[in-house]
Amino acid sequence: MSKLRTVTVFGSSLPVGGSAIYSDALRLGKLLAEAGFAVCNGGYGGLMEASARGAYEAGGHTIGVTCSIWESSANPWIREEVRTHSFEQRLMALIARGDAYITLPGGTGTLAELALVWEMMNKSSLSETIGGQKPLLVMAYYWKPVITCLEQEAQLVPGESKRPLPAMNIITLVDTVDEMVEILRPKLRS
């Protein structure tokens, strides 16, 4: 029997049911579960709740990585709670559990998650700790300005502005949650 592949989903804790992005995250969780993937996220509200709920309601496995520095408990759609003691442990646990990563819209916490997993792959430290480069998909309409900003780094070296930065090859900008799941299906087949 093959191991259940896990997709770690990063996203904002703020959106509520009825909003367009909450609906997208709900659909994402459902599609991931239907494709046979477990869904891992931070375990709390907003897009974490939505992606877990979508997966849970589709019969999928959900993992919530929570942290004892906050009094909140995991949302009701989490089947397996992993409790950590610090923010840093939580970040590493979220990354360690993922066979792939999806970054939905979010704030500084989501940006920290995206930046850490991206940099670990860029510097190959992910290879040493948890298995190497893995798919990293981000919602294009939201994260494209961040990516564009970072692409400017090549301009810091005279004569190198046309040279592609290796870090830019790690990330995949995606337009819809349906497209995200379609990209992951062949990449995560055991």
Protein backbone atom coordinates (compact mmCIF):
# COMPACT_ATOMS: atom_id res chain seq x y z
CA MET A 1 0.00 0.00 0.00
CA SER A 2 1.40 3.42 -0.94
CA LYS A 3 1.77 6.30 1.49
CA LEU A 4 -0.96 8.93 1.42
CA ARG A 5 0.58 12.01 -0.18
CA THR A 6 0.04 15.26 1.71
CA VAL A 7 -0.44 18.77 0.36
CA THR A 8 0.31 21.56 2.83
CA VAL A 9 -1.92 24.57 2.25
CA PHE A 10 -0.86 28.00 3.51
CA GLY A 11 -3.40 30.84 3.72
CA SER A 12 -5.04 33.62 5.69
CA SER A 13 -6.96 33.05 8.91
CA LEU A 14 -9.30 35.99 8.17
CA PRO A 15 -11.75 35.02 5.37
CA VAL A 16 -15.16 33.74 6.42
CA GLY A 17 -17.74 31.51 4.79
CA GLY A 18 -19.51 33.15 1.87
CA SER A 19 -16.45 35.05 0.62
CA ALA A 20 -15.06 34.12 -2.79
CA ILE A 21 -11.64 33.09 -1.47
CA TYR A 22 -13.19 30.97 1.30
CA SER A 23 -15.24 29.20 -1.39
CA ASP A 24 -12.09 28.67 -3.47
CA ALA A 25 -10.25 27.15 -0.48
CA LEU A 26 -13.26 24.94 0.28
CA ARG A 27 -13.21 23.72 -3.33
CA LEU A 28 -9.44 23.20 -3.17
CA GLY A 29 -9.76 20.94 -0.12
CA LYS A 30 -12.54 18.96 -1.79
CA LEU A 31 -10.56 18.51 -5.02
CA LEU A 32 -7.40 17.50 -3.16
CA ALA A 33 -9.30 14.86 -1.16
CA GLU A 34 -11.02 13.55 -4.28
CA ALA A 35 -7.59 13.27 -5.93
CA GLY A 36 -6.46 11.10 -3.01
CA PHE A 37 -4.33 13.63 -1.12
CA ALA A 38 -4.34 14.49 2.58
CA VAL A 39 -4.63 18.19 3.38
CA CYS A 40 -2.33 19.73 5.99
CA ASN A 41 -2.58 23.32 7.18
CA GLY A 42 -2.27 25.51 10.26
CA GLY A 43 -5.48 24.09 11.69
CA TYR A 44 -7.25 27.32 12.63
CA GLY A 45 -9.84 29.53 10.87
CA GLY A 46 -10.16 31.26 7.54
CA LEU A 47 -8.60 29.50 4.57
CA MET A 48 -7.17 26.82 6.86
CA GLU A 49 -10.70 25.99 8.00
CA ALA A 50 -12.06 26.14 4.46
CA SER A 51 -9.47 23.81 2.91
CA ALA A 52 -9.81 21.36 5.82
CA ARG A 53 -13.59 21.48 5.64
CA GLY A 54 -13.61 20.81 1.90
CA ALA A 55 -11.31 17.83 2.32
CA TYR A 56 -13.14 16.50 5.40
CA GLU A 57 -16.57 16.72 3.75
CA ALA A 58 -15.17 14.84 0.72
CA GLY A 59 -13.97 12.05 3.03
CA GLY A 60 -10.31 13.08 3.01
CA HIS A 61 -7.71 13.11 5.77
CA THR A 62 -6.94 16.50 7.34
CA ILE A 63 -4.00 17.48 9.50
CA GLY A 64 -3.87 20.70 11.51
CA VAL A 65 -0.56 21.92 12.88
CA THR A 66 -1.43 24.14 15.81
CA CYS A 67 0.71 25.93 18.37
CA SER A 68 0.49 26.18 22.15
CA ILE A 69 1.40 29.90 22.08
CA TRP A 70 -2.18 30.55 20.96
CA GLU A 71 -5.16 29.52 23.06
CA SER A 72 -7.29 28.60 20.03
CA SER A 73 -7.95 24.96 19.31
CA ALA A 74 -8.07 23.28 15.93
CA ASN A 75 -11.11 23.85 13.74
CA PRO A 76 -13.74 21.06 13.72
CA TRP A 77 -12.67 19.82 10.27
CA ILE A 78 -9.27 18.61 11.47
CA ARG A 79 -9.02 14.83 11.89
CA GLU A 80 -5.42 14.83 13.18
CA GLU A 81 -4.05 17.67 15.28
CA VAL A 82 -0.29 18.11 15.63
CA ARG A 83 0.40 20.45 18.55
CA THR A 84 3.72 22.32 18.56
CA HIS A 85 5.27 24.51 21.25
CA SER A 86 6.69 27.40 19.21
CA PHE A 87 6.02 29.28 16.01
CA GLU A 88 9.28 27.97 14.55
CA GLN A 89 8.34 24.35 15.34
CA ARG A 90 4.94 24.93 13.73
CA LEU A 91 6.53 26.25 10.54
CA MET A 92 8.88 23.29 10.31
CA ALA A 93 6.08 20.79 11.05
CA LEU A 94 3.93 22.28 8.27
CA ILE A 95 6.82 22.03 5.82
CA ALA A 96 7.93 18.55 6.94
CA ARG A 97 4.48 17.06 6.36
CA GLY A 98 4.12 18.37 2.81
CA ASP A 99 4.81 16.45 -0.36
CA ALA A 100 3.72 19.65 -2.11
CA TYR A 101 2.76 23.18 -1.04
CA ILE A 102 -0.03 25.51 -2.07
CA THR A 103 -0.02 29.17 -1.05
CA LEU A 104 -3.37 30.92 -1.09
CA PRO A 105 -3.83 34.62 -0.28
CA GLY A 106 -2.70 35.64 3.18
CA GLY A 107 -0.80 38.07 5.34
CA THR A 108 2.58 38.06 7.03
CA GLY A 109 2.16 34.56 8.47
CA THR A 110 1.39 33.14 5.04
CA LEU A 111 4.27 35.12 3.56
CA ALA A 112 6.61 33.67 6.21
CA GLU A 113 5.46 30.14 5.36
CA LEU A 114 5.92 30.72 1.63
CA ALA A 115 9.30 32.40 2.09
CA LEU A 116 10.67 29.67 4.35
CA VAL A 117 9.69 26.70 2.20
CA TRP A 118 10.85 28.54 -0.94
CA GLU A 119 14.21 29.47 0.56
CA MET A 120 14.76 25.97 1.93
CA MET A 121 14.34 24.61 -1.58
CA ASN A 122 16.46 27.40 -3.07
CA LYS A 123 19.35 26.67 -0.73
CA SER A 124 18.79 22.89 -0.87
CA SER A 125 18.33 22.68 2.89
CA LEU A 126 14.97 21.02 2.25
CA SER A 127 16.89 18.20 0.56
CA GLU A 128 18.91 17.62 3.69
CA THR A 129 16.01 17.76 6.12
CA ILE A 130 12.86 16.49 4.44
CA GLY A 131 13.39 15.16 1.00
CA GLY A 132 14.25 17.78 -1.54
CA GLN A 133 12.53 20.08 -3.97
CA LYS A 134 8.77 19.64 -4.08
CA PRO A 135 5.98 21.36 -5.99
CA LEU A 136 5.34 24.90 -4.71
CA LEU A 137 2.22 26.47 -6.21
CA VAL A 138 0.99 29.98 -5.47
CA MET A 139 -2.20 31.83 -6.38
CA ALA A 140 -0.99 34.06 -9.22
CA TYR A 141 -3.37 37.00 -8.87
CA TYR A 142 -2.35 37.52 -5.26
CA TRP A 143 1.36 36.63 -5.12
CA LYS A 144 2.55 37.80 -8.57
CA PRO A 145 3.62 41.26 -7.23
CA VAL A 146 5.85 39.55 -4.64
CA ILE A 147 7.39 37.30 -7.27
CA THR A 148 7.92 40.24 -9.64
CA CYS A 149 9.60 42.21 -6.88
CA LEU A 150 12.02 39.36 -6.15
CA GLU A 151 12.83 38.88 -9.85
CA GLN A 152 14.47 42.30 -9.70
CA GLU A 153 17.36 40.83 -7.70
CA ALA A 154 19.16 39.99 -10.95
CA GLN A 155 19.38 43.73 -11.67
CA LEU A 156 21.59 44.16 -8.61
CA VAL A 157 24.50 42.55 -10.48
CA PRO A 158 25.76 44.68 -13.40
CA GLY A 159 25.41 42.84 -16.71
CA GLU A 160 23.36 40.01 -15.18
CA SER A 161 19.82 41.39 -15.55
CA LYS A 162 18.94 38.80 -18.22
CA ARG A 163 20.23 35.84 -16.20
CA PRO A 164 17.35 33.82 -14.72
CA LEU A 165 17.50 33.42 -10.97
CA PRO A 166 17.39 29.75 -9.90
CA ALA A 167 14.86 30.56 -7.14
CA MET A 168 12.32 31.64 -9.74
CA ASN A 169 12.28 28.14 -11.23
CA ILE A 170 11.05 26.65 -7.94
CA ILE A 171 7.72 28.44 -7.76
CA THR A 172 4.71 27.94 -10.04
CA LEU A 173 2.13 30.69 -10.43
CA VAL A 174 -1.35 29.23 -10.88
CA ASP A 175 -4.65 30.92 -11.71
CA THR A 176 -7.27 28.61 -10.16
CA VAL A 177 -7.60 25.92 -7.50
CA ASP A 178 -8.76 23.47 -10.18
CA GLU A 179 -5.52 24.07 -12.07
CA MET A 180 -3.50 23.55 -8.87
CA VAL A 181 -4.94 20.08 -8.37
CA GLU A 182 -4.46 19.18 -12.04
CA ILE A 183 -0.78 20.17 -11.77
CA LEU A 184 -0.29 18.12 -8.60
CA ARG A 185 -1.99 14.90 -9.77
CA PRO A 186 0.86 13.67 -11.99
CA LYS A 187 3.60 15.09 -9.76
CA LEU A 188 2.42 13.24 -6.63
CA ARG A 189 1.54 9.87 -8.11
CA SER A 190 3.35 7.18 -6.13
